Amino acid sequence: MTKQAEAAARRARNARVRKNRAALKLVHNRDEIAASFPDRMLTLAEVTVLVGVSYKTINKLVGERRFPAPTILGPRAQRWWHSEVVKAVDKLRADRKPVPPEGPRAA
């Protein structure tokens, strides 16, 4: 690879990183987003930040049918509806089991 090609690849990679960081800043405050966009489509990066888990966990929850499946827009584009993600998070929160206390004082 020539130096010019390496520089072009580096610039493209840096542009993608800046774009992803900007997308992550969009979903920092859940209530603020809900107010500004009643129902918009979220990328996987936005969903992971909004829910607070990794993309592997999102895919696992989708496979277990505990999280909504993405809407497929194309061969490399999938999005989730914001309202469906919020409902799924609320349902996960409602369905969670309390953690039993541990240690000698628990008895």
Protein backbone atom coordinates (compact mmCIF):
# COMPACT_ATOMS: atom_id res chain seq x y z
CA MET A 1 0.00 0.00 0.00
CA THR A 2 1.38 3.40 -0.93
CA LYS A 3 1.74 6.25 1.51
CA GLN A 4 -1.07 8.13 -0.23
CA ALA A 5 -3.41 5.16 0.06
CA GLU A 6 -2.50 4.70 3.73
CA ALA A 7 -3.19 8.37 4.42
CA ALA A 8 -6.55 8.17 2.64
CA ALA A 9 -7.51 5.06 4.63
CA ARG A 10 -6.48 6.76 7.87
CA ARG A 11 -8.58 9.85 7.03
CA ALA A 12 -11.59 7.67 6.24
CA ARG A 13 -11.18 5.71 9.48
CA ASN A 14 -10.89 8.93 11.50
CA ALA A 15 -14.03 10.30 9.84
CA ARG A 16 -15.94 7.13 10.83
CA VAL A 17 -14.72 7.45 14.41
CA ARG A 18 -15.85 11.09 14.58
CA LYS A 19 -19.23 10.14 13.14
CA ASN A 20 -19.69 7.33 15.70
CA ARG A 21 -18.73 9.62 18.56
CA ALA A 22 -21.27 12.17 17.36
CA ALA A 23 -23.95 9.45 17.22
CA LEU A 24 -23.14 8.36 20.75
CA LYS A 25 -23.49 11.92 22.02
CA LEU A 26 -27.00 11.98 20.54
CA VAL A 27 -28.26 9.27 22.87
CA HIS A 28 -26.61 10.45 26.06
CA ASN A 29 -29.84 11.63 27.68
CA ARG A 30 -32.79 9.26 27.12
CA ASP A 31 -35.49 11.73 28.15
CA GLU A 32 -34.05 14.50 26.01
CA ILE A 33 -34.12 12.26 22.95
CA ALA A 34 -37.64 11.08 23.63
CA ALA A 35 -38.81 14.69 23.78
CA SER A 36 -37.01 15.80 20.63
CA PHE A 37 -37.73 12.71 18.50
CA PRO A 38 -40.97 10.96 19.45
CA ASP A 39 -40.10 7.88 17.42
CA ARG A 40 -36.94 7.63 15.38
CA MET A 41 -34.78 4.78 14.21
CA LEU A 42 -31.63 4.03 16.21
CA THR A 43 -28.38 2.45 15.08
CA LEU A 44 -26.79 -0.43 16.96
CA ALA A 45 -24.26 1.98 18.50
CA GLU A 46 -27.07 4.19 19.77
CA VAL A 47 -29.02 1.21 21.14
CA THR A 48 -25.98 -0.10 23.04
CA VAL A 49 -25.44 3.29 24.66
CA LEU A 50 -29.12 3.77 25.42
CA VAL A 51 -29.53 0.31 26.96
CA GLY A 52 -26.07 0.18 28.53
CA VAL A 53 -25.03 -3.24 27.27
CA SER A 54 -22.75 -4.51 24.50
CA TYR A 55 -23.86 -5.37 20.99
CA LYS A 56 -23.32 -9.05 21.78
CA THR A 57 -25.81 -8.81 24.64
CA ILE A 58 -28.30 -7.02 22.37
CA ASN A 59 -28.00 -9.84 19.81
CA LYS A 60 -28.37 -12.44 22.58
CA LEU A 61 -31.54 -10.77 23.89
CA VAL A 62 -32.94 -10.58 20.35
CA GLY A 63 -32.25 -14.30 19.93
CA GLU A 64 -34.04 -15.02 23.22
CA ARG A 65 -36.96 -12.84 22.04
CA ARG A 66 -36.52 -10.58 25.08
CA PHE A 67 -35.60 -7.56 22.91
CA PRO A 68 -37.16 -6.37 19.64
CA ALA A 69 -35.55 -7.52 16.42
CA PRO A 70 -34.08 -4.79 14.22
CA THR A 71 -35.73 -3.51 11.09
CA ILE A 72 -33.53 -4.50 8.17
CA LEU A 73 -33.10 -1.58 5.78
CA GLY A 74 -30.49 -3.14 3.54
CA PRO A 75 -27.68 -5.67 3.48
CA ARG A 76 -25.59 -3.62 5.94
CA ALA A 77 -28.20 -1.43 7.60
CA GLN A 78 -30.36 -2.37 10.56
CA ARG A 79 -32.23 0.00 12.88
CA TRP A 80 -34.42 -0.23 15.97
CA TRP A 81 -37.43 1.97 16.66
CA HIS A 82 -36.79 4.15 19.70
CA SER A 83 -40.24 3.45 21.17
CA GLU A 84 -39.71 -0.34 20.92
CA VAL A 85 -36.32 -0.10 22.63
CA VAL A 86 -37.76 1.97 25.49
CA LYS A 87 -40.63 -0.52 25.96
CA ALA A 88 -38.20 -3.45 25.93
CA VAL A 89 -35.95 -1.81 28.53
CA ASP A 90 -38.94 -1.08 30.75
CA LYS A 91 -40.11 -4.71 30.40
CA LEU A 92 -36.62 -6.03 31.20
CA ARG A 93 -36.55 -3.80 34.28
CA ALA A 94 -39.99 -5.02 35.39
CA ASP A 95 -39.10 -8.70 34.83
CA ARG A 96 -35.79 -8.68 36.67
CA LYS A 97 -35.45 -10.87 39.74
CA PRO A 98 -34.19 -9.46 43.03
CA VAL A 99 -30.66 -10.46 43.96
CA PRO A 100 -30.63 -12.52 47.17
CA PRO A 101 -28.40 -11.18 49.92
CA GLU A 102 -25.14 -13.01 50.46
CA GLY A 103 -22.86 -13.58 53.39
CA PRO A 104 -23.25 -14.64 57.04
CA ARG A 105 -25.56 -11.73 57.88
CA ALA A 106 -28.10 -12.83 55.28
CA ALA A 107 -29.51 -15.57 57.51
